[in-house]
Protein backbone atom coordinates (compact mmCIF):
# COMPACT_ATOMS: atom_id res chain seq x y z
CA MET A 1 -0.05 -0.01 -0.04
CA SER A 2 1.19 3.43 -0.88
CA ILE A 3 1.90 6.21 1.58
CA ALA A 4 -0.99 8.28 0.24
CA ALA A 5 -3.51 5.46 0.60
CA THR A 6 -2.27 4.85 4.20
CA GLN A 7 -2.78 8.54 5.10
CA MET A 8 -6.35 8.46 3.57
CA LEU A 9 -7.20 5.33 5.70
CA VAL A 10 -6.11 7.02 8.82
CA VAL A 11 -8.12 10.20 8.02
CA LEU A 12 -11.25 8.04 7.40
CA THR A 13 -10.84 6.14 10.63
CA THR A 14 -10.38 9.29 12.65
CA ALA A 15 -13.55 10.92 11.04
CA THR A 16 -15.59 7.76 11.85
CA ALA A 17 -14.44 7.87 15.49
CA LEU A 18 -15.29 11.51 15.87
CA THR A 19 -18.75 11.02 14.38
CA ALA A 20 -19.44 8.17 16.80
CA ALA A 21 -18.32 10.26 19.83
CA CYS A 22 -20.60 13.21 18.96
CA ALA A 23 -23.83 11.02 18.56
CA LYS A 24 -26.29 11.52 21.62
CA PRO A 25 -27.18 8.36 23.68
CA VAL A 26 -30.70 7.11 23.40
CA VAL A 27 -32.71 7.84 26.67
CA VAL A 28 -34.87 5.00 27.78
CA ALA A 29 -37.94 6.02 29.85
CA PRO A 30 -38.17 4.17 33.11
CA PRO A 31 -41.21 2.08 33.63
CA PRO A 32 -44.05 3.61 35.65
CA PRO A 33 -43.68 2.88 39.40
CA GLU A 34 -45.70 0.03 40.76
CA VAL A 35 -48.34 1.36 43.23
CA TYR A 36 -50.25 -0.93 45.48
CA VAL A 37 -53.74 0.16 46.63
CA THR A 38 -55.43 -1.16 49.67
CA PRO A 39 -59.01 -0.39 51.00
CA VAL A 40 -59.38 1.52 54.21
CA VAL A 41 -60.78 -0.55 57.04
CA GLN A 42 -63.20 0.97 59.51
CA ARG A 43 -63.65 -0.50 62.98
CA ASP A 44 -63.35 0.17 66.70
CA VAL A 45 -59.75 0.57 67.84
CA PRO A 46 -58.74 0.06 71.47
CA THR A 47 -55.80 2.13 72.96
CA TYR A 48 -53.68 0.33 75.50
CA LEU A 49 -51.01 1.48 77.98
CA ASP A 50 -48.28 -1.17 78.58
CA LEU A 51 -46.50 -0.92 81.95
CA VAL A 52 -43.63 -3.08 83.20
CA GLY A 53 -43.35 -3.86 86.85
CA GLN A 54 -42.41 -6.40 89.54
CA THR A 55 -44.66 -8.53 91.67
CA GLU A 56 -44.83 -8.63 95.43
CA GLY A 57 -47.05 -10.25 97.99
CA ASP A 58 -50.37 -8.67 98.97
CA GLN A 59 -48.84 -8.78 102.36
CA ASP A 60 -45.12 -9.34 103.11
CA VAL A 61 -44.85 -9.81 106.86
CA ASP A 62 -41.57 -10.14 108.67
CA VAL A 63 -41.47 -12.73 111.38
CA ARG A 64 -39.20 -11.54 114.29
CA ALA A 65 -38.15 -12.73 117.63
CA ARG A 66 -39.99 -10.79 120.44
CA VAL A 67 -38.05 -12.22 123.40
CA GLU A 68 -34.42 -12.99 124.00
CA GLY A 69 -33.22 -16.56 124.11
CA PHE A 70 -31.68 -19.46 122.21
CA LEU A 71 -33.53 -20.83 119.27
CA GLU A 72 -34.33 -24.52 120.02
CA THR A 73 -36.18 -25.75 116.94
CA MET A 74 -37.49 -24.75 113.48
CA THR A 75 -40.80 -26.56 112.72
CA PHE A 76 -41.46 -25.69 109.12
CA ARG A 77 -40.17 -26.44 105.72
CA GLU A 78 -38.57 -23.46 103.96
CA GLY A 79 -40.43 -22.28 100.89
CA SER A 80 -43.67 -24.03 101.87
CA PHE A 81 -47.20 -22.72 102.53
CA VAL A 82 -48.19 -22.13 106.12
CA ARG A 83 -51.40 -21.30 107.91
CA ARG A 84 -52.02 -18.55 110.35
CA GLY A 85 -51.18 -19.84 113.83
CA ASP A 86 -48.81 -22.52 112.75
CA GLN A 87 -45.77 -22.78 114.98
CA LEU A 88 -42.58 -21.92 113.10
CA TYR A 89 -39.91 -21.65 115.80
CA LEU A 90 -39.36 -22.49 119.50
CA ILE A 91 -37.16 -20.23 121.65
CA ASP A 92 -35.94 -21.90 124.99
CA PRO A 93 -38.89 -21.45 127.24
CA LYS A 94 -37.25 -22.41 130.56
CA PRO A 95 -36.24 -18.90 131.73
CA PHE A 96 -39.75 -17.55 130.94
CA GLU A 97 -41.47 -20.48 132.72
CA ALA A 98 -39.34 -19.63 135.84
CA ALA A 99 -40.23 -15.96 135.46
CA LEU A 100 -43.90 -16.74 135.24
CA ALA A 101 -43.80 -18.96 138.42
CA ALA A 102 -42.03 -16.08 140.32
CA ALA A 103 -44.61 -13.60 139.17
CA ASN A 104 -47.45 -15.94 140.27
CA ALA A 105 -45.73 -16.22 143.77
CA ASP A 106 -45.48 -12.51 144.21
CA LYS A 107 -49.11 -12.05 143.18
CA ALA A 108 -50.18 -14.72 145.76
CA THR A 109 -48.14 -12.80 148.42
CA ALA A 110 -49.80 -9.59 147.48
CA GLN A 111 -53.26 -11.16 147.56
CA ALA A 112 -52.55 -12.50 151.09
CA ARG A 113 -51.58 -9.01 152.28
CA LEU A 114 -54.62 -7.64 150.72
CA GLU A 115 -56.82 -10.27 152.50
CA LYS A 116 -55.19 -9.31 155.93
CA ALA A 117 -55.72 -5.61 155.19
CA ASN A 118 -59.33 -6.26 154.36
CA ASN A 119 -59.82 -8.13 157.63
CA ASP A 120 -58.20 -5.23 159.59
CA VAL A 121 -60.50 -2.69 158.10
CA ALA A 122 -63.54 -4.81 158.68
CA ARG A 123 -62.55 -5.35 162.34
CA TYR A 124 -61.49 -1.74 163.09
CA THR A 125 -64.57 -0.08 161.52
CA PRO A 126 -67.21 -1.10 164.21
CA LEU A 127 -64.62 -0.72 166.99
CA VAL A 128 -64.07 2.91 166.03
CA VAL A 129 -67.81 3.56 166.53
CA LYS A 130 -67.53 2.12 169.98
CA GLN A 131 -64.29 4.05 170.54
CA ALA A 132 -62.51 0.80 171.28
CA VAL A 133 -59.71 1.73 168.84
CA SER A 134 -58.60 5.15 167.56
CA GLN A 135 -59.52 6.61 164.28
CA GLN A 136 -55.77 6.74 163.44
CA GLU A 137 -55.57 2.91 163.54
CA LEU A 138 -58.51 2.62 161.14
CA ASP A 139 -56.96 5.06 158.77
CA ASN A 140 -53.69 3.09 158.82
CA ALA A 141 -55.53 -0.10 158.16
CA ARG A 142 -57.29 1.43 155.09
CA ALA A 143 -53.99 2.80 153.78
CA ALA A 144 -52.48 -0.65 154.14
CA GLN A 145 -55.56 -1.99 152.30
CA ASP A 146 -55.06 0.40 149.39
CA ALA A 147 -51.40 -0.47 149.16
CA ALA A 148 -52.03 -4.18 149.23
CA ARG A 149 -54.67 -3.80 146.48
CA SER A 150 -52.10 -1.91 144.33
CA GLN A 151 -49.54 -4.67 144.87
CA VAL A 152 -52.11 -7.22 143.75
CA ASP A 153 -52.70 -5.20 140.62
CA ALA A 154 -48.95 -4.98 139.91
CA GLY A 155 -48.61 -8.66 140.60
CA ALA A 156 -51.35 -9.51 138.05
CA ALA A 157 -49.57 -7.13 135.48
CA ALA A 158 -46.36 -8.95 136.12
CA VAL A 159 -48.07 -12.42 135.68
CA GLU A 160 -49.73 -11.17 132.43
CA LYS A 161 -46.32 -9.97 131.02
CA ALA A 162 -44.51 -13.11 132.04
CA THR A 163 -47.37 -15.13 130.28
CA LEU A 164 -47.01 -13.17 127.14
CA ASP A 165 -43.14 -13.50 127.14
CA LEU A 166 -43.62 -17.27 127.60
CA GLY A 167 -46.09 -17.32 124.69
CA TYR A 168 -43.66 -15.45 122.52
CA THR A 169 -41.13 -18.28 122.76
CA ARG A 170 -43.46 -20.10 120.36
CA VAL A 171 -43.13 -18.07 117.16
CA ARG A 172 -46.18 -18.53 115.08
CA ALA A 173 -47.26 -17.59 111.51
CA PRO A 174 -49.19 -14.36 111.67
CA ILE A 175 -50.89 -14.87 108.22
CA ASP A 176 -51.54 -17.55 105.61
CA GLY A 177 -48.92 -17.47 103.01
CA LEU A 178 -45.58 -18.59 101.45
CA VAL A 179 -42.78 -18.66 103.95
CA GLY A 180 -39.28 -17.88 102.82
CA LEU A 181 -35.85 -19.08 103.86
CA THR A 182 -34.94 -18.86 107.50
CA LYS A 183 -32.51 -16.13 108.45
CA VAL A 184 -31.46 -17.85 111.74
CA LYS A 185 -30.72 -21.50 112.51
CA PRO A 186 -31.45 -23.39 115.68
CA GLY A 187 -28.85 -22.89 118.36
CA SER A 188 -28.49 -19.14 117.71
CA LEU A 189 -29.13 -16.44 120.32
CA VAL A 190 -31.99 -14.21 119.13
CA GLY A 191 -33.73 -11.08 120.42
CA ARG A 192 -30.73 -9.62 122.22
CA GLY A 193 -31.11 -5.80 121.91
CA GLU A 194 -33.29 -6.08 118.83
CA SER A 195 -36.24 -7.97 117.30
CA THR A 196 -34.19 -10.48 115.25
CA LEU A 197 -35.64 -11.16 111.76
CA LEU A 198 -36.33 -14.87 111.46
CA THR A 199 -38.05 -15.19 108.15
CA THR A 200 -40.64 -13.52 105.90
CA ILE A 201 -44.15 -14.73 104.90
CA SER A 202 -45.82 -13.48 101.82
CA GLN A 203 -49.53 -13.67 100.92
CA ILE A 204 -49.54 -14.32 97.30
CA ASN A 205 -53.21 -14.81 96.55
CA PRO A 206 -53.90 -12.16 95.52
CA ILE A 207 -50.60 -11.09 94.04
CA VAL A 208 -49.64 -7.41 93.61
CA LEU A 209 -47.79 -5.96 90.52
CA ARG A 210 -46.10 -2.62 91.30
CA VAL A 211 -45.59 -0.51 88.21
CA GLY A 212 -44.40 3.00 87.50
CA VAL A 213 -46.36 5.45 85.25
CA THR A 214 -44.52 8.28 83.54
CA GLU A 215 -45.76 11.71 84.08
CA ALA A 216 -46.80 11.99 80.48
CA ASP A 217 -48.90 8.80 80.65
CA TYR A 218 -50.36 9.87 83.92
CA LEU A 219 -51.49 13.26 82.47
CA ARG A 220 -52.83 11.48 79.40
CA VAL A 221 -55.03 9.27 81.58
CA VAL A 222 -56.12 11.71 84.33
CA LYS A 223 -57.14 14.44 81.78
CA ARG A 224 -59.78 12.14 80.48
CA ASN A 225 -61.57 12.41 83.78
CA PRO A 226 -59.99 14.99 86.11
CA GLY A 227 -63.01 14.91 88.48
CA ARG A 228 -62.01 11.46 89.82
CA THR A 229 -58.55 12.60 91.05
CA GLY A 230 -58.19 11.42 94.61
CA GLU A 231 -61.10 8.94 94.50
CA ASP A 232 -60.84 5.26 94.81
CA PRO A 233 -59.14 3.70 91.72
CA ARG A 234 -61.52 1.62 89.64
CA ALA A 235 -59.68 0.57 86.48
CA GLY A 236 -60.14 -3.14 85.96
CA GLY A 237 -59.77 -5.85 83.33
CA ILE A 238 -55.97 -5.42 83.28
CA GLU A 239 -54.03 -8.24 81.56
CA LEU A 240 -50.74 -9.45 83.03
CA THR A 241 -48.09 -10.95 80.59
CA LEU A 242 -45.36 -13.01 82.38
CA ALA A 243 -41.76 -13.49 81.56
CA ASP A 244 -42.32 -16.49 79.32
CA GLY A 245 -44.85 -14.57 77.15
CA SER A 246 -47.90 -16.28 78.63
CA THR A 247 -50.86 -14.36 79.83
CA HIS A 248 -51.97 -14.66 83.46
CA PRO A 249 -55.52 -16.27 83.44
CA GLU A 250 -56.89 -13.65 85.95
CA THR A 251 -57.36 -9.99 85.09
CA GLY A 252 -56.34 -7.33 87.59
CA THR A 253 -57.65 -4.08 89.11
CA VAL A 254 -55.70 -0.98 90.16
CA SER A 255 -55.83 -1.10 93.89
CA ASN A 256 -53.55 1.70 95.03
CA VAL A 257 -52.02 4.93 93.52
CA GLU A 258 -49.13 6.71 95.03
CA ARG A 259 -49.72 10.18 96.50
CA ALA A 260 -46.80 11.95 94.62
CA VAL A 261 -44.58 11.57 91.60
CA ASN A 262 -41.10 10.17 92.44
CA ALA A 263 -38.77 13.24 91.80
CA SER A 264 -35.78 10.96 91.02
CA THR A 265 -37.49 8.71 88.44
CA GLY A 266 -40.38 10.95 87.22
CA THR A 267 -42.87 8.07 87.71
CA LEU A 268 -46.06 7.60 89.71
CA SER A 269 -46.24 4.25 91.41
CA LEU A 270 -49.39 2.07 91.03
CA GLN A 271 -50.42 -1.22 92.52
CA ILE A 272 -52.35 -3.68 90.39
CA THR A 273 -53.90 -6.56 92.23
CA PHE A 274 -54.46 -10.01 90.43
CA ALA A 275 -56.12 -13.12 91.86
CA ASN A 276 -53.57 -15.98 92.03
CA PRO A 277 -55.47 -19.10 93.04
CA SER A 278 -52.90 -21.42 91.65
CA ASN A 279 -50.05 -19.64 93.34
CA VAL A 280 -48.04 -19.62 90.07
CA VAL A 281 -46.96 -15.99 90.31
CA ARG A 282 -44.52 -15.38 93.22
CA PRO A 283 -42.99 -12.19 94.62
CA GLY A 284 -40.08 -10.80 92.65
CA GLN A 285 -41.17 -11.74 89.17
CA TYR A 286 -41.31 -9.33 86.33
CA GLY A 287 -44.46 -8.72 84.25
CA ARG A 288 -46.12 -6.44 81.86
CA ALA A 289 -49.62 -5.03 82.56
CA ARG A 290 -51.81 -3.75 79.73
CA LEU A 291 -54.43 -1.19 80.59
CA LEU A 292 -57.25 -0.24 78.23
CA LEU A 293 -57.34 3.53 78.10
CA GLU A 294 -60.13 4.01 75.55
CA THR A 295 -61.77 2.68 72.45
CA ARG A 296 -61.98 4.89 69.40
CA ARG A 297 -65.26 4.19 67.54
CA ASN A 298 -65.21 3.77 63.77
CA ALA A 299 -61.51 4.53 63.31
CA MET A 300 -59.99 4.52 59.78
CA LEU A 301 -57.20 1.97 59.50
CA VAL A 302 -54.53 1.61 56.88
CA PRO A 303 -51.28 -0.44 56.84
CA GLN A 304 -48.38 1.13 58.68
CA ARG A 305 -46.12 0.96 55.62
CA ALA A 306 -48.60 3.31 53.80
CA VAL A 307 -47.83 6.12 56.30
CA GLN A 308 -44.93 8.38 55.35
CA GLU A 309 -43.35 10.51 58.08
CA LEU A 310 -41.23 13.70 57.51
CA GLN A 311 -40.37 16.19 60.32
CA ASN A 312 -43.21 14.94 62.54
CA LEU A 313 -45.73 15.21 59.71
CA ARG A 314 -47.40 11.99 58.65
CA SER A 315 -49.01 11.66 55.31
CA VAL A 316 -51.02 9.12 53.45
CA ALA A 317 -51.63 8.93 49.66
CA VAL A 318 -55.44 8.63 48.88
CA VAL A 319 -56.92 7.60 45.60
CA GLY A 320 -60.06 9.63 44.86
CA PRO A 321 -63.06 8.79 42.81
CA ASP A 322 -61.46 10.38 39.70
CA ASN A 323 -58.54 7.91 40.07
CA LYS A 324 -56.13 10.66 41.06
CA VAL A 325 -53.82 10.42 44.09
CA ARG A 326 -53.97 13.07 46.80
CA SER A 327 -51.92 13.34 50.03
CA THR A 328 -53.49 13.90 53.42
CA THR A 329 -51.23 15.10 56.24
CA SER A 330 -51.61 14.74 60.12
CA ARG A 331 -49.48 15.95 63.04
CA SER A 332 -51.29 13.58 65.51
CA ALA A 333 -49.01 10.86 66.74
CA ARG A 334 -52.12 9.08 68.05
CA ALA A 335 -53.67 8.94 64.69
CA SER A 336 -50.56 7.47 63.08
CA SER A 337 -50.24 4.83 65.76
CA ARG A 338 -53.70 3.47 64.78
CA CYS A 339 -52.50 2.94 61.25
CA GLY A 340 -51.57 -0.73 60.86
């Protein structure tokens, strides 16, 4: 090939490349977006308040030693159910039996002195009329009578106290309930300078769930009926969900509301009482209570994914009768929470 032909081929190739580079790319229109349409459902929608809390006995009673002595026996099985009046412990009763015997002896002595004083007064009274004895002797006899009567009363009180102390050596269950582990074993000295804690009994039927309500939730509830502030709580039908996800078969009722909001936590304490006939729920368990606040009648419901949120504004696209889409916007968090 000649040099001229070669130069012409290079020029043609370059021209073809420039022409291809200057051509505009073909723009392919994207397919129309796929839009799903779902009908709006209208029905009554309940609003719930979920609260997490911890259970405790309806009564948690500490059993303490009321007299000083050595613990002789423990007559119950730890973690079992006991009845009111069942004996739990025995403190060595011998010192108290001796104290009771001494108190009875002192009382008998005082009664003998009172009997002598009564006889003296009865004998001196007619003799004073006859002037056989002086009025001074009668007055002395009456004073001795009053003193002897006081000694009898003091002796009776000492006997009663000694009897009570002897009875306290048999420590009994004050209520029906579940008894915990013993804090003191037999052979230990209890009651010296303090009422020694022996064990705790919990009444678990009914069981109490203690929960904390935030200030915002409290205001949300109380503003619905401010006239009932300070009255007896009456909210009922409360569901209890346990740690394993199961629902307690018995519904509960708000039984107590704390007077003031806790400044450190910002919550108001509530007690919710549940029947616990099977004794499944025990003190110290965690659970979630669900309270029904209100039921909105004929609420409009759409799937949650149909709600778009931007800067606290929630919008939903609505297809009108003319098959055109319009957007509706709401600032209400409550309205959006009911969507879906």
